[in-house]
Each structure stands twice: as C-alpha cells, then as structure tokens.
C-alpha cells in the first residue's frame, strides 16, 4: 500500500492495529480491524475467550 490509506470502494483494503493497555490487573492487548473506505470497525478482540 505504500502508506496510502485510501480506498475507492468498500472491503478490498483493510487495516489492523494492536494496542497494549496497562490495567490494574496487568496488560491488556486490543486488536482491531477497520475498512479503510468506510472507516467502519469490522472486528475487535481483547484476546480473552468468548
């Protein structure tokens, strides 16, 4: 993608991010995926079993 975070239509281009959050109980990792056309959140996980 060469750091081009734009999309001409929904779905073909997605981006993910992993964030580390310090809590009183230790570290929490939050992973997210967004559609770069609509900027809609497509999914997230904090690593805990569902």
N, C-alpha and C. Protein backbone atom coordinates (compact mmCIF):
# COMPACT_ATOMS: atom_id res chain seq x y z
N UNK A 1 0.81 -1.19 0.00
CA UNK A 1 0.00 0.00 0.00
C UNK A 1 0.86 1.26 0.00
N UNK A 2 2.07 1.15 0.39
CA UNK A 2 2.99 2.29 0.40
C UNK A 2 2.43 3.47 1.21
N UNK A 3 1.80 3.14 2.34
CA UNK A 3 1.24 4.14 3.26
C UNK A 3 0.11 4.95 2.65
N UNK A 4 -0.55 4.44 1.63
CA UNK A 4 -1.75 5.07 1.07
C UNK A 4 -2.95 4.42 1.73
N UNK A 5 -3.55 5.10 2.67
CA UNK A 5 -4.63 4.53 3.46
C UNK A 5 -6.00 4.96 2.93
N UNK A 6 -6.13 5.08 1.61
CA UNK A 6 -7.41 5.41 1.00
C UNK A 6 -7.91 4.20 0.23
N UNK A 7 -9.22 4.16 0.01
CA UNK A 7 -9.82 3.07 -0.75
C UNK A 7 -10.92 3.64 -1.62
N UNK A 8 -11.05 3.11 -2.82
CA UNK A 8 -12.06 3.57 -3.78
C UNK A 8 -13.41 2.92 -3.57
N UNK A 9 -13.44 1.77 -2.91
CA UNK A 9 -14.69 1.03 -2.69
C UNK A 9 -14.57 0.24 -1.39
N UNK A 10 -15.70 -0.20 -0.84
CA UNK A 10 -15.65 -0.95 0.42
C UNK A 10 -14.99 -2.32 0.27
N UNK A 11 -14.39 -2.79 1.31
CA UNK A 11 -13.87 -4.14 1.51
C UNK A 11 -12.49 -4.49 0.99
N UNK A 12 -11.99 -4.01 -0.15
CA UNK A 12 -10.71 -4.56 -0.58
C UNK A 12 -9.51 -4.13 0.26
N UNK A 13 -9.63 -3.01 0.98
CA UNK A 13 -8.48 -2.52 1.75
C UNK A 13 -8.89 -2.41 3.22
N UNK A 14 -8.17 -3.15 4.05
CA UNK A 14 -8.43 -3.14 5.49
C UNK A 14 -7.14 -2.87 6.22
N UNK A 15 -7.27 -2.37 7.43
CA UNK A 15 -6.08 -2.11 8.26
C UNK A 15 -6.33 -2.66 9.65
N UNK A 16 -5.25 -3.06 10.28
CA UNK A 16 -5.34 -3.58 11.63
C UNK A 16 -4.42 -2.82 12.56
N UNK A 17 -4.73 -2.90 13.84
CA UNK A 17 -3.91 -2.24 14.84
C UNK A 17 -3.92 -3.09 16.10
N UNK A 18 -2.83 -3.09 16.81
CA UNK A 18 -2.72 -3.79 18.08
C UNK A 18 -2.28 -2.75 19.11
N UNK A 19 -3.04 -2.64 20.20
CA UNK A 19 -2.77 -1.67 21.25
C UNK A 19 -2.57 -2.39 22.57
N UNK A 20 -1.56 -1.98 23.31
CA UNK A 20 -1.29 -2.52 24.64
C UNK A 20 -1.79 -1.51 25.67
N UNK A 21 -2.64 -1.99 26.60
CA UNK A 21 -3.22 -1.12 27.61
C UNK A 21 -2.82 -1.66 28.98
N UNK A 22 -2.21 -0.80 29.80
CA UNK A 22 -1.85 -1.18 31.16
C UNK A 22 -3.08 -1.05 32.05
N UNK A 23 -3.39 -2.10 32.81
CA UNK A 23 -4.52 -2.08 33.73
C UNK A 23 -4.02 -2.46 35.12
N UNK A 24 -4.88 -2.34 36.11
CA UNK A 24 -4.53 -2.74 37.46
C UNK A 24 -4.27 -4.23 37.59
N UNK A 25 -4.76 -5.00 36.63
CA UNK A 25 -4.59 -6.46 36.65
C UNK A 25 -3.51 -6.94 35.70
N UNK A 26 -2.80 -6.02 35.07
CA UNK A 26 -1.76 -6.39 34.11
C UNK A 26 -2.02 -5.78 32.75
N UNK A 27 -1.38 -6.30 31.73
CA UNK A 27 -1.51 -5.77 30.38
C UNK A 27 -2.73 -6.37 29.67
N UNK A 28 -3.39 -5.53 28.89
CA UNK A 28 -4.50 -5.96 28.04
C UNK A 28 -4.11 -5.60 26.61
N UNK A 29 -4.26 -6.53 25.71
CA UNK A 29 -3.97 -6.28 24.30
C UNK A 29 -5.28 -6.22 23.53
N UNK A 30 -5.47 -5.15 22.77
CA UNK A 30 -6.69 -4.95 21.99
C UNK A 30 -6.32 -4.89 20.52
N UNK A 31 -6.88 -5.80 19.73
CA UNK A 31 -6.64 -5.83 18.29
C UNK A 31 -7.91 -5.38 17.57
N UNK A 32 -7.76 -4.53 16.54
CA UNK A 32 -8.90 -4.05 15.77
C UNK A 32 -8.61 -4.16 14.28
N UNK A 33 -9.69 -4.25 13.48
CA UNK A 33 -9.61 -4.24 12.02
C UNK A 33 -10.66 -3.27 11.52
N UNK A 34 -10.26 -2.35 10.63
CA UNK A 34 -11.21 -1.40 10.06
C UNK A 34 -11.18 -1.46 8.53
N UNK A 35 -12.32 -1.12 7.92
CA UNK A 35 -12.41 -0.97 6.47
C UNK A 35 -11.95 0.45 6.15
N UNK A 36 -10.97 0.61 5.27
CA UNK A 36 -10.42 1.94 5.00
C UNK A 36 -11.31 2.81 4.12
N UNK A 37 -12.32 2.25 3.52
CA UNK A 37 -13.25 3.06 2.73
C UNK A 37 -14.27 3.74 3.64
N UNK A 38 -14.93 2.96 4.47
CA UNK A 38 -16.00 3.50 5.34
C UNK A 38 -15.50 3.88 6.73
N UNK A 39 -14.30 3.43 7.09
CA UNK A 39 -13.72 3.61 8.43
C UNK A 39 -14.54 2.88 9.49
N UNK A 40 -15.32 1.89 9.05
CA UNK A 40 -16.12 1.08 9.97
C UNK A 40 -15.24 0.06 10.68
N UNK A 41 -15.52 -0.14 11.94
CA UNK A 41 -14.84 -1.17 12.71
C UNK A 41 -15.42 -2.52 12.29
N UNK A 42 -14.59 -3.40 11.77
CA UNK A 42 -15.05 -4.69 11.29
C UNK A 42 -14.92 -5.78 12.36
N UNK A 43 -13.98 -5.61 13.26
CA UNK A 43 -13.81 -6.61 14.30
C UNK A 43 -12.82 -6.15 15.34
N UNK A 44 -12.95 -6.74 16.53
CA UNK A 44 -12.01 -6.46 17.59
C UNK A 44 -11.89 -7.67 18.48
N UNK A 45 -10.78 -7.75 19.18
CA UNK A 45 -10.56 -8.84 20.12
C UNK A 45 -9.64 -8.35 21.21
N UNK A 46 -9.93 -8.77 22.43
CA UNK A 46 -9.04 -8.45 23.53
C UNK A 46 -8.26 -9.69 23.96
N UNK A 47 -8.39 -10.77 23.21
CA UNK A 47 -7.62 -11.97 23.45
C UNK A 47 -8.25 -12.94 24.45
N UNK A 48 -9.32 -12.50 25.12
CA UNK A 48 -9.99 -13.40 26.07
C UNK A 48 -10.89 -14.35 25.32
N UNK A 49 -11.08 -15.56 25.82
CA UNK A 49 -12.02 -16.50 25.18
C UNK A 49 -13.44 -15.93 25.21
N UNK A 50 -14.19 -16.17 24.16
CA UNK A 50 -15.57 -15.63 24.12
C UNK A 50 -16.56 -16.53 24.81
